[in-house]
Amino acid sequence: MEPKWLVECWGDFNIEYGTDLFYTKRDAEQYFKKIRKQLDSSKYIITRDRIIDIQDDGNIVCITDLDDIY
């Protein structure tokens, strides 16, 4: 079984989490929520599957379904 989900962290967030692969969507979403809880919501645009820094749109966290890419 191969990992099917990717949580990508692009840019500088100054958090303890980073990019990681997951076998289930549930695990990827839980990891994404851990990242979201560490960030100040007033400084980011937060959607269900993305976090984007308001001041620097190069700072992004997103959940990716690897089956959609290949």
PDB file of N, CA and C in Angstrom:
ATOM      1  N   MET A   1       0.847  -1.185   0.000  1.00  0.00           N
ATOM      2  CA  MET A   1       0.000   0.000   0.000  1.00  0.00           C
ATOM      3  C   MET A   1       0.886   1.238   0.000  1.00  0.00           C
ATOM      4  N   GLU A   2       0.576   2.167  -0.871  1.00  0.00           N
ATOM      5  CA  GLU A   2       1.348   3.399  -0.985  1.00  0.00           C
ATOM      6  C   GLU A   2       0.588   4.566  -0.363  1.00  0.00           C
ATOM      7  N   PRO A   3       1.321   5.564   0.109  1.00  0.00           N
ATOM      8  CA  PRO A   3       0.641   6.765   0.618  1.00  0.00           C
ATOM      9  C   PRO A   3      -0.182   7.417  -0.485  1.00  0.00           C
ATOM     10  N   LYS A   4      -1.358   7.880  -0.134  1.00  0.00           N
ATOM     11  CA  LYS A   4      -2.251   8.494  -1.117  1.00  0.00           C
ATOM     12  C   LYS A   4      -2.527   9.962  -0.858  1.00  0.00           C
ATOM     13  N   TRP A   5      -2.086  10.478   0.290  1.00  0.00           N
ATOM     14  CA  TRP A   5      -2.368  11.856   0.661  1.00  0.00           C
ATOM     15  C   TRP A   5      -1.080  12.559   1.059  1.00  0.00           C
ATOM     16  N   LEU A   6      -0.987  13.819   0.698  1.00  0.00           N
ATOM     17  CA  LEU A   6       0.191  14.620   1.004  1.00  0.00           C
ATOM     18  C   LEU A   6      -0.256  15.923   1.649  1.00  0.00           C
ATOM     19  N   VAL A   7       0.344  16.264   2.772  1.00  0.00           N
ATOM     20  CA  VAL A   7       0.153  17.586   3.361  1.00  0.00           C
ATOM     21  C   VAL A   7       1.450  18.341   3.072  1.00  0.00           C
ATOM     22  N   GLU A   8       1.352  19.363   2.227  1.00  0.00           N
ATOM     23  CA  GLU A   8       2.517  20.127   1.801  1.00  0.00           C
ATOM     24  C   GLU A   8       2.616  21.438   2.564  1.00  0.00           C
ATOM     25  N   CYS A   9       3.803  21.751   3.010  1.00  0.00           N
ATOM     26  CA  CYS A   9       4.071  23.030   3.660  1.00  0.00           C
ATOM     27  C   CYS A   9       5.111  23.770   2.819  1.00  0.00           C
ATOM     28  N   TRP A  10       4.694  24.849   2.215  1.00  0.00           N
ATOM     29  CA  TRP A  10       5.579  25.676   1.393  1.00  0.00           C
ATOM     30  C   TRP A  10       5.826  26.993   2.102  1.00  0.00           C
ATOM     31  N   GLY A  11       7.060  27.409   2.188  1.00  0.00           N
ATOM     32  CA  GLY A  11       7.380  28.698   2.788  1.00  0.00           C
ATOM     33  C   GLY A  11       7.797  28.575   4.234  1.00  0.00           C
ATOM     34  N   ASP A  12       7.690  29.688   4.942  1.00  0.00           N
ATOM     35  CA  ASP A  12       8.174  29.779   6.317  1.00  0.00           C
ATOM     36  C   ASP A  12       7.009  30.011   7.264  1.00  0.00           C
ATOM     37  N   PHE A  13       6.635  28.974   8.027  1.00  0.00           N
ATOM     38  CA  PHE A  13       5.544  29.075   8.975  1.00  0.00           C
ATOM     39  C   PHE A  13       6.008  29.089  10.425  1.00  0.00           C
ATOM     40  N   ASN A  14       7.255  28.755  10.676  1.00  0.00           N
ATOM     41  CA  ASN A  14       7.795  28.695  12.039  1.00  0.00           C
ATOM     42  C   ASN A  14       6.947  27.809  12.939  1.00  0.00           C
ATOM     43  N   ILE A  15       6.646  26.611  12.472  1.00  0.00           N
ATOM     44  CA  ILE A  15       5.897  25.633  13.245  1.00  0.00           C
ATOM     45  C   ILE A  15       6.694  24.334  13.291  1.00  0.00           C
ATOM     46  N   GLU A  16       6.296  23.426  14.187  1.00  0.00           N
ATOM     47  CA  GLU A  16       7.044  22.181  14.349  1.00  0.00           C
ATOM     48  C   GLU A  16       6.695  21.132  13.303  1.00  0.00           C
ATOM     49  N   TYR A  17       5.669  21.346  12.504  1.00  0.00           N
ATOM     50  CA  TYR A  17       5.239  20.375  11.495  1.00  0.00           C
ATOM     51  C   TYR A  17       5.757  20.784  10.124  1.00  0.00           C
ATOM     52  N   GLY A  18       5.853  19.792   9.230  1.00  0.00           N
ATOM     53  CA  GLY A  18       6.291  20.052   7.861  1.00  0.00           C
ATOM     54  C   GLY A  18       5.555  19.139   6.897  1.00  0.00           C
ATOM     55  N   THR A  19       6.027  19.084   5.673  1.00  0.00           N
ATOM     56  CA  THR A  19       5.435  18.241   4.645  1.00  0.00           C
ATOM     57  C   THR A  19       5.516  16.772   5.063  1.00  0.00           C
ATOM     58  N   ASP A  20       4.410  16.034   4.830  1.00  0.00           N
ATOM     59  CA  ASP A  20       4.397  14.623   5.207  1.00  0.00           C
ATOM     60  C   ASP A  20       3.397  13.858   4.345  1.00  0.00           C
ATOM     61  N   LEU A  21       3.644  12.550   4.183  1.00  0.00           N
ATOM     62  CA  LEU A  21       2.766  11.661   3.421  1.00  0.00           C
ATOM     63  C   LEU A  21       1.888  10.839   4.355  1.00  0.00           C
ATOM     64  N   PHE A  22       0.666  10.508   3.861  1.00  0.00           N
ATOM     65  CA  PHE A  22      -0.277   9.745   4.663  1.00  0.00           C
ATOM     66  C   PHE A  22      -0.991   8.707   3.804  1.00  0.00           C
ATOM     67  N   TYR A  23      -1.378   7.612   4.451  1.00  0.00           N
ATOM     68  CA  TYR A  23      -2.092   6.548   3.760  1.00  0.00           C
ATOM     69  C   TYR A  23      -3.586   6.810   3.671  1.00  0.00           C
ATOM     70  N   THR A  24      -4.134   7.578   4.626  1.00  0.00           N
ATOM     71  CA  THR A  24      -5.575   7.852   4.625  1.00  0.00           C
ATOM     72  C   THR A  24      -5.853   9.350   4.653  1.00  0.00           C
ATOM     73  N   LYS A  25      -7.003   9.696   4.118  1.00  0.00           N
ATOM     74  CA  LYS A  25      -7.434  11.096   4.131  1.00  0.00           C
ATOM     75  C   LYS A  25      -7.636  11.576   5.568  1.00  0.00           C
ATOM     76  N   ARG A  26      -8.158  10.702   6.385  1.00  0.00           N
ATOM     77  CA  ARG A  26      -8.417  11.052   7.791  1.00  0.00           C
ATOM     78  C   ARG A  26      -7.131  11.468   8.499  1.00  0.00           C
ATOM     79  N   ASP A  27      -6.065  10.698   8.305  1.00  0.00           N
ATOM     80  CA  ASP A  27      -4.784  11.031   8.938  1.00  0.00           C
ATOM     81  C   ASP A  27      -4.237  12.357   8.410  1.00  0.00           C
ATOM     82  N   ALA A  28      -4.375  12.577   7.112  1.00  0.00           N
ATOM     83  CA  ALA A  28      -3.898  13.835   6.517  1.00  0.00           C
ATOM     84  C   ALA A  28      -4.688  15.023   7.073  1.00  0.00           C
ATOM     85  N   GLU A  29      -5.995  14.867   7.206  1.00  0.00           N
ATOM     86  CA  GLU A  29      -6.824  15.951   7.744  1.00  0.00           C
ATOM     87  C   GLU A  29      -6.492  16.244   9.206  1.00  0.00           C
ATOM     88  N   GLN A  30      -6.226  15.210   9.998  1.00  0.00           N
ATOM     89  CA  GLN A  30      -5.856  15.422  11.395  1.00  0.00           C
ATOM     90  C   GLN A  30      -4.541  16.186  11.496  1.00  0.00           C
ATOM     91  N   TYR A  31      -3.580  15.842  10.672  1.00  0.00           N
ATOM     92  CA  TYR A  31      -2.289  16.522  10.646  1.00  0.00           C
ATOM     93  C   TYR A  31      -2.466  17.987  10.235  1.00  0.00           C
ATOM     94  N   PHE A  32      -3.285  18.213   9.198  1.00  0.00           N
ATOM     95  CA  PHE A  32      -3.588  19.559   8.716  1.00  0.00           C
ATOM     96  C   PHE A  32      -4.206  20.393   9.844  1.00  0.00           C
ATOM     97  N   LYS A  33      -5.103  19.798  10.613  1.00  0.00           N
ATOM     98  CA  LYS A  33      -5.752  20.508  11.722  1.00  0.00           C
ATOM     99  C   LYS A  33      -4.755  20.861  12.822  1.00  0.00           C
ATOM    100  N   LYS A  34      -3.775  19.983  13.062  1.00  0.00           N
ATOM    101  CA  LYS A  34      -2.723  20.294  14.037  1.00  0.00           C
ATOM    102  C   LYS A  34      -1.939  21.528  13.597  1.00  0.00           C
ATOM    103  N   ILE A  35      -1.646  21.597  12.310  1.00  0.00           N
ATOM    104  CA  ILE A  35      -0.931  22.764  11.777  1.00  0.00           C
ATOM    105  C   ILE A  35      -1.798  24.005  11.935  1.00  0.00           C
ATOM    106  N   ARG A  36      -3.058  23.884  11.548  1.00  0.00           N
ATOM    107  CA  ARG A  36      -3.990  25.026  11.609  1.00  0.00           C
ATOM    108  C   ARG A  36      -4.110  25.588  13.017  1.00  0.00           C
ATOM    109  N   LYS A  37      -4.123  24.714  14.021  1.00  0.00           N
ATOM    110  CA  LYS A  37      -4.250  25.162  15.415  1.00  0.00           C
ATOM    111  C   LYS A  37      -3.038  25.952  15.889  1.00  0.00           C
ATOM    112  N   GLN A  38      -1.891  25.750  15.279  1.00  0.00           N
ATOM    113  CA  GLN A  38      -0.680  26.465  15.688  1.00  0.00           C
ATOM    114  C   GLN A  38      -0.572  27.858  15.078  1.00  0.00           C
ATOM    115  N   LEU A  39      -1.429  28.165  14.126  1.00  0.00           N
ATOM    116  CA  LEU A  39      -1.323  29.430  13.406  1.00  0.00           C
ATOM    117  C   LEU A  39      -2.368  30.439  13.878  1.00  0.00           C
ATOM    118  N   ASP A  40      -2.001  31.707  13.811  1.00  0.00           N
ATOM    119  CA  ASP A  40      -2.897  32.816  14.147  1.00  0.00           C
ATOM    120  C   ASP A  40      -3.859  33.027  12.978  1.00  0.00           C
ATOM    121  N   SER A  41      -5.132  32.723  13.177  1.00  0.00           N
ATOM    122  CA  SER A  41      -6.112  32.773  12.085  1.00  0.00           C
ATOM    123  C   SER A  41      -6.292  34.164  11.482  1.00  0.00           C
ATOM    124  N   SER A  42      -5.893  35.206  12.185  1.00  0.00           N
ATOM    125  CA  SER A  42      -6.024  36.553  11.633  1.00  0.00           C
ATOM    126  C   SER A  42      -4.963  36.844  10.565  1.00  0.00           C
ATOM    127  N   LYS A  43      -3.935  36.011  10.482  1.00  0.00           N
ATOM    128  CA  LYS A  43      -2.841  36.235   9.525  1.00  0.00           C
ATOM    129  C   LYS A  43      -2.910  35.318   8.312  1.00  0.00           C
ATOM    130  N   TYR A  44      -3.932  34.452   8.280  1.00  0.00           N
ATOM    131  CA  TYR A  44      -4.006  33.454   7.213  1.00  0.00           C
ATOM    132  C   TYR A  44      -5.415  33.331   6.657  1.00  0.00           C
ATOM    133  N   ILE A  45      -5.499  32.995   5.383  1.00  0.00           N
ATOM    134  CA  ILE A  45      -6.763  32.623   4.759  1.00  0.00           C
ATOM    135  C   ILE A  45      -6.840  31.106   4.920  1.00  0.00           C
ATOM    136  N   ILE A  46      -7.818  30.638   5.668  1.00  0.00           N
ATOM    137  CA  ILE A  46      -7.907  29.216   5.973  1.00  0.00           C
ATOM    138  C   ILE A  46      -9.175  28.645   5.358  1.00  0.00           C
ATOM    139  N   THR A  47      -8.995  27.644   4.501  1.00  0.00           N
ATOM    140  CA  THR A  47     -10.116  26.922   3.910  1.00  0.00           C
ATOM    141  C   THR A  47     -10.026  25.466   4.360  1.00  0.00           C
ATOM    142  N   ARG A  48     -10.896  24.657   3.841  1.00  0.00           N
ATOM    143  CA  ARG A  48     -10.934  23.250   4.235  1.00  0.00           C
ATOM    144  C   ARG A  48      -9.644  22.500   3.902  1.00  0.00           C
ATOM    145  N   ASP A  49      -9.000  22.881   2.793  1.00  0.00           N
ATOM    146  CA  ASP A  49      -7.810  22.152   2.360  1.00  0.00           C
ATOM    147  C   ASP A  49      -6.584  23.025   2.097  1.00  0.00           C
ATOM    148  N   ARG A  50      -6.643  24.314   2.472  1.00  0.00           N
ATOM    149  CA  ARG A  50      -5.506  25.220   2.258  1.00  0.00           C
ATOM    150  C   ARG A  50      -5.381  26.244   3.371  1.00  0.00           C
ATOM    151  N   ILE A  51      -4.152  26.628   3.628  1.00  0.00           N
ATOM    152  CA  ILE A  51      -3.848  27.742   4.521  1.00  0.00           C
ATOM    153  C   ILE A  51      -2.881  28.627   3.749  1.00  0.00           C
ATOM    154  N   ILE A  52      -3.248  29.892   3.565  1.00  0.00           N
ATOM    155  CA  ILE A  52      -2.415  30.809   2.787  1.00  0.00           C
ATOM    156  C   ILE A  52      -2.129  32.045   3.627  1.00  0.00           C
ATOM    157  N   ASP A  53      -0.866  32.408   3.700  1.00  0.00           N
ATOM    158  CA  ASP A  53      -0.432  33.604   4.430  1.00  0.00           C
ATOM    159  C   ASP A  53      -0.955  34.835   3.704  1.00  0.00           C
ATOM    160  N   ILE A  54      -1.636  35.720   4.414  1.00  0.00           N
ATOM    161  CA  ILE A  54      -2.209  36.928   3.809  1.00  0.00           C
ATOM    162  C   ILE A  54      -1.113  37.853   3.279  1.00  0.00           C
ATOM    163  N   GLN A  55      -0.003  37.953   3.985  1.00  0.00           N
ATOM    164  CA  GLN A  55       1.065  38.880   3.591  1.00  0.00           C
ATOM    165  C   GLN A  55       2.041  38.281   2.590  1.00  0.00           C
ATOM    166  N   ASP A  56       2.136  36.966   2.500  1.00  0.00           N
ATOM    167  CA  ASP A  56       3.066  36.308   1.576  1.00  0.00           C
ATOM    168  C   ASP A  56       2.410  35.044   1.040  1.00  0.00           C
ATOM    169  N   ASP A  57       1.828  35.137  -0.163  1.00  0.00           N
ATOM    170  CA  ASP A  57       1.097  33.996  -0.709  1.00  0.00           C
ATOM    171  C   ASP A  57       2.004  32.829  -1.121  1.00  0.00           C
ATOM    172  N   GLY A  58       3.311  32.958  -0.882  1.00  0.00           N
ATOM    173  CA  GLY A  58       4.235  31.852  -1.081  1.00  0.00           C
ATOM    174  C   GLY A  58       4.251  30.909   0.111  1.00  0.00           C
ATOM    175  N   ASN A  59       3.659  31.335   1.213  1.00  0.00           N
ATOM    176  CA  ASN A  59       3.543  30.493   2.406  1.00  0.00           C
ATOM    177  C   ASN A  59       2.189  29.795   2.360  1.00  0.00           C
ATOM    178  N   ILE A  60       2.230  28.506   2.028  1.00  0.00           N
ATOM    179  CA  ILE A  60       0.996  27.740   1.828  1.00  0.00           C
ATOM    180  C   ILE A  60       1.118  26.369   2.483  1.00  0.00           C
ATOM    181  N   VAL A  61       0.019  25.931   3.081  1.00  0.00           N
ATOM    182  CA  VAL A  61      -0.124  24.544   3.524  1.00  0.00           C
ATOM    183  C   VAL A  61      -1.343  24.010   2.788  1.00  0.00           C
ATOM    184  N   CYS A  62      -1.212  22.827   2.178  1.00  0.00           N
ATOM    185  CA  CYS A  62      -2.364  22.265   1.481  1.00  0.00           C
ATOM    186  C   CYS A  62      -2.368  20.748   1.578  1.00  0.00           C
ATOM    187  N   ILE A  63      -3.580  20.198   1.468  1.00  0.00           N
ATOM    188  CA  ILE A  63      -3.766  18.750   1.420  1.00  0.00           C
ATOM    189  C   ILE A  63      -3.938  18.368  -0.043  1.00  0.00           C
ATOM    190  N   THR A  64      -3.181  17.350  -0.482  1.00  0.00           N
ATOM    191  CA  THR A  64      -3.237  16.912  -1.872  1.00  0.00           C
ATOM    192  C   THR A  64      -3.548  15.422  -1.938  1.00  0.00           C
ATOM    193  N   ASP A  65      -4.536  15.080  -2.752  1.00  0.00           N
ATOM    194  CA  ASP A  65      -4.845  13.679  -3.040  1.00  0.00           C
ATOM    195  C   ASP A  65      -3.933  13.257  -4.190  1.00  0.00           C
ATOM    196  N   LEU A  66      -2.990  12.383  -3.918  1.00  0.00           N
ATOM    197  CA  LEU A  66      -2.011  11.996  -4.928  1.00  0.00           C
ATOM    198  C   LEU A  66      -2.634  11.257  -6.106  1.00  0.00           C
ATOM    199  N   ASP A  67      -3.789  10.651  -5.929  1.00  0.00           N
ATOM    200  CA  ASP A  67      -4.484  10.015  -7.043  1.00  0.00           C
ATOM    201  C   ASP A  67      -4.958  11.042  -8.070  1.00  0.00           C
ATOM    202  N   ASP A  68      -5.221  12.280  -7.636  1.00  0.00           N
ATOM    203  CA  ASP A  68      -5.639  13.340  -8.551  1.00  0.00           C
ATOM    204  C   ASP A  68      -4.490  13.836  -9.419  1.00  0.00           C
ATOM    205  N   ILE A  69      -3.262  13.648  -8.947  1.00  0.00           N
ATOM    206  CA  ILE A  69      -2.091  14.134  -9.683  1.00  0.00           C
ATOM    207  C   ILE A  69      -1.699  13.145 -10.780  1.00  0.00           C
ATOM    208  N   TYR A  70      -1.726  11.889 -10.450  1.00  0.00           N
ATOM    209  CA  TYR A  70      -1.259  10.858 -11.397  1.00  0.00           C
ATOM    210  C   TYR A  70      -2.383  10.328 -12.184  1.00  0.00           C
TER     211      TYR A  70
END
